[in-house]
Protein backbone atom coordinates (compact mmCIF):
# COMPACT_ATOMS: atom_id res chain seq x y z
CA MET A 1 0.00 0.00 0.00
CA SER A 2 1.32 3.45 -0.93
CA LEU A 3 1.70 6.24 1.60
CA ARG A 4 -1.64 7.71 2.68
CA ALA A 5 -2.36 11.10 4.22
CA ALA A 6 -5.45 12.86 5.52
CA ALA A 7 -6.22 16.54 5.96
CA ILE A 8 -9.04 18.22 7.85
CA ASP A 9 -9.95 21.87 7.42
CA ILE A 10 -12.06 23.37 10.22
CA GLY A 11 -13.49 26.51 8.68
CA THR A 12 -15.96 29.17 9.71
CA ASN A 13 -18.82 27.47 7.89
CA SER A 14 -17.81 23.86 7.34
CA CYS A 15 -15.47 21.02 8.22
CA ARG A 16 -13.88 19.14 5.34
CA LEU A 17 -11.88 15.94 5.09
CA LEU A 18 -9.64 14.77 2.25
CA ILE A 19 -7.72 11.48 2.17
CA GLY A 20 -5.10 10.89 -0.52
CA GLU A 21 -2.74 8.09 -1.51
CA LYS A 22 0.56 8.79 -3.23
CA SER A 23 0.63 7.57 -6.83
CA GLY A 24 3.57 6.77 -9.06
CA ASN A 25 3.58 9.97 -11.12
CA ASN A 26 4.45 12.41 -8.31
CA SER A 27 0.80 13.07 -7.54
CA PHE A 28 -1.91 11.50 -5.40
CA ASP A 29 -5.21 9.73 -5.83
CA ILE A 30 -8.18 10.86 -3.77
CA LEU A 31 -9.56 8.01 -1.66
CA ALA A 32 -12.24 9.91 0.26
CA ARG A 33 -13.68 13.37 0.75
CA GLU A 34 -16.31 14.51 3.21
CA LEU A 35 -17.96 17.80 4.13
CA GLU A 36 -20.14 18.74 7.09
CA ILE A 37 -21.73 22.17 7.53
CA THR A 38 -20.95 23.03 11.17
CA ARG A 39 -21.11 26.85 11.42
CA LEU A 40 -18.27 27.12 13.91
CA GLY A 41 -18.17 30.86 13.22
CA GLU A 42 -21.72 31.47 14.43
CA GLY A 43 -21.68 34.82 16.25
CA VAL A 44 -17.87 35.11 16.12
CA ASP A 45 -17.88 38.44 14.28
CA LYS A 46 -20.01 39.99 17.01
CA ASN A 47 -18.78 38.26 20.16
CA ARG A 48 -15.26 37.00 19.33
CA GLU A 49 -16.02 33.76 21.14
CA LEU A 50 -16.92 30.22 20.08
CA LYS A 51 -20.34 29.04 21.15
CA ALA A 52 -20.53 25.72 23.00
CA ALA A 53 -23.17 24.44 20.57
CA ALA A 54 -20.91 25.26 17.60
CA VAL A 55 -17.98 23.43 19.21
CA GLU A 56 -20.21 20.40 19.73
CA ARG A 57 -21.27 20.44 16.05
CA VAL A 58 -17.63 20.38 14.99
CA TYR A 59 -16.84 17.61 17.47
CA GLN A 60 -19.64 15.41 16.10
CA ALA A 61 -18.48 16.02 12.50
CA LEU A 62 -14.88 15.15 13.33
CA LYS A 63 -15.99 12.06 15.22
CA LYS A 64 -17.36 10.82 11.87
CA PHE A 65 -14.11 11.84 10.16
CA ARG A 66 -12.08 9.91 12.76
CA ALA A 67 -13.90 6.69 11.87
CA ILE A 68 -13.25 7.23 8.15
CA ILE A 69 -9.56 8.00 8.71
CA ASP A 70 -9.14 4.85 10.81
CA ARG A 71 -10.88 2.77 8.14
CA TYR A 72 -8.40 3.92 5.50
CA GLN A 73 -5.38 3.24 7.73
CA VAL A 74 -3.96 6.70 7.18
CA GLU A 75 -0.33 7.21 8.17
CA LYS A 76 -0.15 11.01 8.20
CA LEU A 77 -2.72 13.54 9.36
CA ARG A 78 -3.05 17.28 9.80
CA VAL A 79 -6.02 19.12 11.29
CA VAL A 80 -6.05 22.87 10.71
CA GLY A 81 -8.32 25.71 11.75
CA THR A 82 -8.63 28.98 9.87
CA SER A 83 -10.48 32.31 10.11
CA ALA A 84 -13.02 31.67 12.90
CA LEU A 85 -10.41 30.12 15.18
CA ARG A 86 -7.95 32.94 14.51
CA ASP A 87 -10.58 35.47 15.61
CA VAL A 88 -11.56 34.08 19.02
CA ASP A 89 -10.14 34.03 22.54
CA ASN A 90 -11.52 30.64 23.54
CA ALA A 91 -10.23 28.33 20.79
CA TYR A 92 -8.99 26.07 23.61
CA LEU A 93 -12.58 24.81 23.97
CA LEU A 94 -12.27 23.09 20.61
CA LYS A 95 -8.63 22.09 21.03
CA ASP A 96 -9.40 20.32 24.31
CA LYS A 97 -12.48 18.61 22.87
CA LEU A 98 -10.61 17.28 19.84
CA GLN A 99 -7.94 15.68 21.99
CA GLU A 100 -10.61 13.11 22.87
CA LEU A 101 -10.44 12.03 19.19
CA ASN A 102 -6.64 12.07 19.20
CA PHE A 103 -6.64 15.09 16.89
CA LYS A 104 -4.04 17.83 17.32
CA LEU A 105 -5.52 21.11 16.13
CA GLU A 106 -3.26 23.63 14.40
CA ILE A 107 -4.64 27.15 14.08
CA ILE A 108 -2.81 28.42 11.02
CA SER A 109 -2.07 32.01 10.11
CA GLY A 110 -3.57 33.73 7.09
CA GLU A 111 -0.14 33.53 5.47
CA LYS A 112 0.08 29.75 5.96
CA GLU A 113 -3.48 29.33 4.68
CA ALA A 114 -2.50 31.28 1.55
CA GLU A 115 0.60 29.12 1.00
CA LEU A 116 -1.41 25.90 1.28
CA ASN A 117 -4.15 27.18 -1.03
CA TYR A 118 -1.52 28.17 -3.56
CA ALA A 119 0.20 24.78 -3.30
CA GLY A 120 -3.11 23.05 -3.87
CA ALA A 121 -4.10 25.08 -6.91
CA VAL A 122 -0.79 25.86 -8.58
CA SER A 123 -0.07 22.56 -10.34
CA ASN A 124 -2.09 23.30 -13.49
CA LEU A 125 -1.94 27.09 -13.57
CA GLU A 126 0.11 29.74 -15.30
CA ASN A 127 2.20 32.13 -13.21
CA ASP A 128 0.15 35.27 -13.79
CA PHE A 129 -2.98 34.42 -11.82
CA LEU A 130 -4.75 35.69 -8.73
CA LEU A 131 -6.23 33.01 -6.50
CA ILE A 132 -9.37 33.98 -4.57
CA ASP A 133 -10.80 31.93 -1.70
CA ILE A 134 -14.10 33.18 -0.28
CA GLY A 135 -14.69 31.42 3.01
CA GLY A 136 -17.19 31.81 5.80
CA GLY A 137 -15.22 34.36 7.79
CA SER A 138 -12.60 35.77 5.44
CA THR A 139 -11.49 36.06 1.83
CA GLU A 140 -7.92 35.32 0.80
CA PHE A 141 -6.13 36.83 -2.19
CA ILE A 142 -3.00 34.94 -3.27
CA TRP A 143 -0.61 35.67 -6.12
CA SER A 144 2.99 35.24 -7.22
CA GLU A 145 5.37 38.17 -7.53
CA ALA A 146 9.06 37.81 -8.38
CA SER A 147 8.92 34.10 -7.46
CA GLU A 148 7.47 34.97 -4.07
CA ILE A 149 3.96 34.11 -2.87
CA LYS A 150 2.04 37.20 -1.80
CA PHE A 151 -1.25 37.18 0.04
CA LYS A 152 -3.87 39.39 1.62
CA SER A 153 -6.60 38.19 3.96
CA LEU A 154 -9.68 40.36 4.51
CA ASP A 155 -12.50 39.82 7.01
CA ILE A 156 -15.21 39.46 4.39
CA GLY A 157 -16.79 36.00 4.28
CA CYS A 158 -20.26 34.70 3.47
CA VAL A 159 -21.18 33.92 7.10
CA ARG A 160 -19.70 37.16 8.43
CA MET A 161 -21.47 39.35 5.82
CA THR A 162 -24.79 37.53 6.28
CA GLU A 163 -24.71 38.00 10.05
CA LYS A 164 -23.69 41.64 9.65
CA PHE A 165 -26.14 42.81 6.99
CA VAL A 166 -29.01 40.34 6.53
CA VAL A 167 -31.89 40.78 8.95
CA ASN A 168 -33.84 37.66 7.94
CA PRO A 169 -32.12 35.08 5.66
CA ALA A 170 -35.39 33.12 5.43
CA THR A 171 -37.01 35.73 3.18
CA GLU A 172 -36.18 36.97 -0.29
CA PHE A 173 -32.85 38.80 -0.34
CA LYS A 174 -33.56 42.52 -0.09
CA THR A 175 -31.94 45.04 -2.45
CA GLU A 176 -30.92 46.97 0.66
CA SER A 177 -28.86 43.99 1.88
CA VAL A 178 -27.24 43.56 -1.54
CA ASN A 179 -26.22 47.23 -1.58
CA LYS A 180 -24.95 47.22 2.01
CA ILE A 181 -22.73 44.16 1.41
CA SER A 182 -21.50 45.51 -1.94
CA ASN A 183 -20.63 48.92 -0.48
CA TYR A 184 -18.89 47.42 2.55
CA VAL A 185 -16.80 45.08 0.40
CA ASN A 186 -15.99 47.79 -2.15
CA ASP A 187 -14.78 50.16 0.56
CA LEU A 188 -12.60 47.48 2.14
CA LEU A 189 -11.09 46.42 -1.20
CA ALA A 190 -10.30 50.02 -2.10
CA SER A 191 -8.51 50.60 1.22
CA GLU A 192 -6.64 47.29 1.40
CA LEU A 193 -5.76 46.19 -2.15
CA ASP A 194 -3.62 47.88 -4.78
CA PHE A 195 -3.05 45.72 -7.85
CA ASN A 196 -1.19 47.39 -10.69
CA ARG A 197 -1.24 44.49 -13.14
CA GLU A 198 -3.74 42.28 -14.88
CA PHE A 199 -4.44 38.80 -13.55
CA LYS A 200 -6.29 35.74 -14.66
CA ILE A 201 -8.69 34.97 -11.83
CA ARG A 202 -8.91 31.54 -10.23
CA GLY A 203 -11.50 30.81 -7.55
CA VAL A 204 -11.50 28.14 -4.82
CA GLY A 205 -13.47 27.46 -1.65
CA GLY A 206 -17.05 26.52 -0.86
CA THR A 207 -18.76 29.69 -2.11
CA ILE A 208 -17.09 29.54 -5.51
CA THR A 209 -17.32 25.79 -6.06
CA THR A 210 -21.01 26.02 -5.13
CA LEU A 211 -21.39 28.68 -7.81
CA ALA A 212 -19.98 26.21 -10.34
CA ALA A 213 -22.32 23.47 -9.11
CA ILE A 214 -25.31 25.80 -9.53
CA LYS A 215 -24.23 26.78 -13.03
CA LEU A 216 -23.85 23.10 -13.96
CA GLY A 217 -27.07 22.11 -12.18
CA LEU A 218 -25.35 19.24 -10.35
CA GLU A 219 -27.72 17.02 -8.39
CA VAL A 220 -24.67 15.35 -6.83
CA TYR A 221 -21.44 17.27 -6.25
CA ASP A 222 -18.73 16.04 -8.65
CA SER A 223 -15.22 17.45 -8.19
CA SER A 224 -14.14 16.40 -11.69
CA LYS A 225 -16.94 18.48 -13.24
CA ILE A 226 -16.21 21.48 -11.03
CA GLU A 227 -12.52 21.59 -11.93
CA ASN A 228 -11.75 24.29 -14.55
CA THR A 229 -15.38 25.39 -14.90
CA GLU A 230 -15.46 28.96 -16.21
CA ILE A 231 -18.05 31.56 -15.35
CA ASN A 232 -18.42 35.13 -16.55
CA LYS A 233 -19.78 38.12 -14.68
CA LYS A 234 -23.10 38.11 -16.53
CA GLU A 235 -23.70 34.50 -15.49
CA LEU A 236 -22.76 35.39 -11.92
CA GLU A 237 -25.18 38.35 -11.88
CA LYS A 238 -27.96 36.16 -13.29
CA ILE A 239 -27.46 33.57 -10.52
CA ILE A 240 -27.37 36.28 -7.82
CA ASN A 241 -30.63 37.74 -9.13
CA LYS A 242 -32.26 34.32 -9.35
CA LEU A 243 -31.34 33.36 -5.79
CA SER A 244 -32.22 36.79 -4.39
CA ASN A 245 -35.79 36.44 -5.66
CA LEU A 246 -36.28 33.15 -3.81
CA ASN A 247 -37.00 32.67 -0.14
CA LEU A 248 -34.84 30.31 1.89
CA LYS A 249 -37.12 27.31 1.42
CA GLU A 250 -37.09 27.80 -2.36
CA ARG A 251 -33.32 28.33 -2.45
CA LYS A 252 -32.81 24.97 -0.73
CA ASN A 253 -34.33 23.28 -3.81
CA VAL A 254 -31.97 24.88 -6.32
CA GLU A 255 -29.89 22.19 -8.06
CA GLY A 256 -26.22 22.45 -7.17
CA LEU A 257 -26.84 24.40 -3.95
CA GLN A 258 -26.40 22.46 -0.73
CA PRO A 259 -29.44 23.24 1.46
CA GLN A 260 -27.13 24.09 4.38
CA ARG A 261 -25.53 26.88 2.33
CA ALA A 262 -28.79 28.40 1.12
CA ASP A 263 -28.88 31.15 3.77
CA ILE A 264 -25.31 32.41 3.20
CA ILE A 265 -24.56 31.77 -0.48
CA ILE A 266 -25.92 35.10 -1.78
CA ALA A 267 -23.63 37.13 0.46
CA GLY A 268 -20.68 35.08 -0.79
CA LEU A 269 -21.60 35.67 -4.43
CA ILE A 270 -22.01 39.40 -3.82
CA ILE A 271 -18.47 39.43 -2.40
CA LEU A 272 -17.24 37.67 -5.55
CA LYS A 273 -18.99 40.13 -7.87
CA ALA A 274 -17.53 43.08 -5.95
CA ILE A 275 -14.05 41.56 -6.33
CA LEU A 276 -14.46 41.06 -10.09
CA ASP A 277 -15.69 44.65 -10.42
CA PHE A 278 -12.75 45.96 -8.39
CA ILE A 279 -10.16 43.98 -10.35
CA ASP A 280 -11.98 44.80 -13.61
CA SER A 281 -12.23 41.14 -14.61
CA SER A 282 -15.13 39.72 -16.59
CA GLU A 283 -14.64 36.02 -15.77
CA LEU A 284 -12.93 33.46 -13.60
CA SER A 285 -12.04 29.79 -13.67
CA ILE A 286 -13.00 27.58 -10.74
CA SER A 287 -11.01 24.87 -8.99
CA ASP A 288 -11.74 22.30 -6.32
CA HIS A 289 -8.02 22.10 -5.50
CA ASP A 290 -7.36 24.24 -2.45
CA LEU A 291 -5.92 24.16 1.05
CA LEU A 292 -6.78 20.47 1.59
CA HIS A 293 -4.88 19.48 -1.56
CA GLY A 294 -1.97 21.63 -0.37
CA LEU A 295 -1.94 19.83 2.98
CA ILE A 296 -1.96 16.40 1.33
CA LYS A 297 0.81 17.34 -1.10
CA ASN A 298 2.87 18.68 1.78
CA GLN A 299 2.53 15.48 3.81
CA LEU A 300 3.26 13.22 0.83
CA ASN A 301 6.27 15.35 -0.22
CA ILE A 302 4.84 16.02 -3.67
């Protein structure tokens, strides 16, 4: 049996597992992937503390992951936490809980998250690209400059923007909420980013891969179909308008949209549109290869 590695990403909105086995051509085969919507970041933007109920949701998800990892006889494992865990003062609640599962939690910096995302996505890309990862709590911008990886992490994520600007996610998405999110994101981008060159845009992360799944109308998520899907700004605007005119119950029935993401997806797509407007880009390509792939490659020395 070839060397096997597992990676778990504990994010603001979801927990994800990827298990890979090293193959002969300096790459790896995916043996298993799992995703559980856990909403660890619930209330974090406002209170800067993890809620006990959110910690318990993550624990139950990782208990399932532990059984899968054991079944595959994995030799290497890394468990990382990102935006929500960077933002709180009581991350120890989760760290202590996960020790019961023999998991050692690493809370990684925005810089390390950017490096791992880049490592995951870079294998089939040209040098002149900007990688965008819209998560639940933050959005990462990653690019290469003079053979050095540059990154910027901003506190604009789909969960954070929904909690901040959406009064009732169960109803149709109000124009007022769209404008408030757009204006907030635009102001932050203008103050924090200064790109003086053109990029090809590459998108990763749950918000953007969900966008691809909606475009493709996938009844069952299929990573191979997501990879290298292209979407232009007009298609993005059409999907935002379609989803905004549906209430939460109706959104949950949209093909390609996981029901658990239906309350936060619009905020994430508004963030994406604001970014494309700011960068003056009319399209992007989408990848399912992100931080988890970077963690596997790192452990397998690929």
